[in-house]
Amino acid sequence: MKSPHTSTEAHGRPSSATPRLEGTRDVLDVLTRGIAKTAVRETQREPLLQAQKVPVEPGRELLTEKMLADRWVCSVARLQRWRTFGEGPPYLKIVGKVLYRLKDIEAYEEASLVRKVF
């Protein structure tokens, strides 16, 4: 009587249940790990409309127009228009460059916070 590990299939190749089962387990392990990684990435995603965090260098208290526009998800042109009409947060103009102090930006954001009163 022949062992199932040494029998041949119709194509003349030896068939073995054990290597096929191990190969299936390897594929399942790879798929399981991939699914787990994808699930972790999906749970760590931030909402699309959340304002981007502008990296501020340690000790840096000034933001450029571009940095503020990125922080508020608006255009630099909007900030320029506000300055023209005297709107928006206070700014500095040093050597022709417009800069915003971080403490002024945070104060402006706090003052702009809308609280519903019922």
Protein backbone atom coordinates (compact mmCIF):
# COMPACT_ATOMS: atom_id res chain seq x y z
CA MET A 1 0.00 0.00 0.00
CA LYS A 2 1.35 3.42 -0.99
CA SER A 3 1.64 6.29 1.42
CA PRO A 4 -0.46 9.41 0.54
CA HIS A 5 2.76 11.44 0.65
CA THR A 6 4.40 9.44 -2.14
CA SER A 7 1.50 8.95 -4.54
CA THR A 8 1.43 10.68 -7.91
CA GLU A 9 -1.32 12.74 -9.47
CA ALA A 10 -2.57 12.36 -13.01
CA HIS A 11 0.24 14.62 -14.29
CA GLY A 12 3.00 12.48 -12.82
CA ARG A 13 3.86 14.91 -10.04
CA PRO A 14 4.06 13.67 -6.50
CA SER A 15 1.14 14.93 -4.42
CA SER A 16 1.42 15.74 -0.79
CA ALA A 17 -1.29 17.13 1.46
CA THR A 18 1.16 18.49 4.01
CA PRO A 19 3.15 20.97 1.81
CA ARG A 20 -0.04 22.27 0.24
CA LEU A 21 -1.57 22.78 3.68
CA GLU A 22 1.58 24.53 4.91
CA GLY A 23 1.62 26.73 1.81
CA THR A 24 -2.00 27.64 2.45
CA ARG A 25 -1.18 28.52 6.03
CA ASP A 26 1.68 30.74 4.86
CA VAL A 27 -0.62 32.57 2.45
CA LEU A 28 -3.26 32.95 5.14
CA ASP A 29 -0.66 34.31 7.57
CA VAL A 30 0.50 36.88 5.02
CA LEU A 31 -3.08 37.91 4.27
CA THR A 32 -3.94 38.15 7.96
CA ARG A 33 -0.91 40.35 8.65
CA GLY A 34 -1.78 42.57 5.67
CA ILE A 35 -5.37 42.97 6.82
CA ALA A 36 -4.20 43.80 10.35
CA LYS A 37 -1.80 46.46 9.03
CA THR A 38 -4.53 47.98 6.85
CA ALA A 39 -6.94 48.08 9.80
CA VAL A 40 -4.36 49.87 11.93
CA ARG A 41 -3.74 52.45 9.18
CA GLU A 42 -7.47 53.07 8.71
CA THR A 43 -8.06 53.64 12.42
CA GLN A 44 -5.18 56.14 12.57
CA ARG A 45 -6.43 58.34 9.73
CA GLU A 46 -7.44 61.85 10.68
CA PRO A 47 -10.58 63.55 9.41
CA LEU A 48 -10.03 65.28 6.07
CA LEU A 49 -11.35 68.65 7.22
CA GLN A 50 -9.16 68.91 10.29
CA ALA A 51 -6.74 71.82 10.06
CA GLN A 52 -3.22 70.75 9.30
CA LYS A 53 -0.70 71.21 12.05
CA VAL A 54 1.97 73.65 11.04
CA PRO A 55 5.32 72.60 12.41
CA VAL A 56 6.76 75.38 14.49
CA GLU A 57 10.43 75.21 15.27
CA PRO A 58 11.25 75.08 18.97
CA GLY A 59 11.51 78.62 20.26
CA ARG A 60 10.04 80.04 17.05
CA GLU A 61 7.21 82.39 17.87
CA LEU A 62 6.66 83.84 14.38
CA LEU A 63 4.71 82.42 11.45
CA THR A 64 4.99 83.42 7.82
CA GLU A 65 1.96 84.09 5.61
CA LYS A 66 2.32 80.63 4.10
CA MET A 67 2.52 78.94 7.50
CA LEU A 68 -0.62 80.74 8.70
CA ALA A 69 -2.47 79.99 5.45
CA ASP A 70 -1.61 76.30 5.89
CA ARG A 71 -2.72 76.37 9.52
CA TRP A 72 -6.08 77.90 8.65
CA VAL A 73 -6.47 76.06 5.33
CA CYS A 74 -6.96 79.29 3.40
CA SER A 75 -5.06 81.15 0.70
CA VAL A 76 -2.25 83.62 1.22
CA ALA A 77 -4.31 86.05 -0.90
CA ARG A 78 -7.08 85.98 1.70
CA LEU A 79 -4.63 86.99 4.44
CA GLN A 80 -3.29 89.76 2.19
CA ARG A 81 -6.84 90.98 1.50
CA TRP A 82 -7.62 91.03 5.21
CA ARG A 83 -4.53 93.12 5.90
CA THR A 84 -5.57 95.57 3.16
CA PHE A 85 -8.96 96.08 4.81
CA GLY A 86 -7.61 96.09 8.38
CA GLU A 87 -9.16 92.72 9.23
CA GLY A 88 -7.66 89.56 10.64
CA PRO A 89 -4.99 89.10 13.28
CA PRO A 90 -2.26 91.65 14.05
CA TYR A 91 0.95 91.23 12.07
CA LEU A 92 4.52 92.45 11.93
CA LYS A 93 6.26 93.76 8.87
CA ILE A 94 10.00 93.36 9.20
CA VAL A 95 12.32 94.12 6.28
CA GLY A 96 9.33 93.90 3.92
CA LYS A 97 8.30 90.46 5.19
CA VAL A 98 4.93 89.90 6.88
CA LEU A 99 5.10 87.80 10.05
CA TYR A 100 2.48 86.78 12.58
CA ARG A 101 3.22 86.21 16.26
CA LEU A 102 1.99 82.83 17.46
CA LYS A 103 0.45 84.32 20.59
CA ASP A 104 -1.56 86.79 18.43
CA ILE A 105 -2.77 83.96 16.20
CA GLU A 106 -3.86 81.87 19.18
CA ALA A 107 -5.65 84.88 20.73
CA TYR A 108 -7.42 85.59 17.42
CA GLU A 109 -8.48 81.95 17.15
CA GLU A 110 -9.84 82.01 20.71
CA ALA A 111 -11.73 85.25 20.04
CA SER A 112 -13.19 83.73 16.84
CA LEU A 113 -14.51 80.67 18.63
CA VAL A 114 -18.26 80.42 18.22
CA ARG A 115 -20.22 79.16 21.19
CA LYS A 116 -23.90 78.46 20.79
CA VAL A 117 -26.08 79.98 23.50
CA PHE A 118 -29.57 78.61 23.92
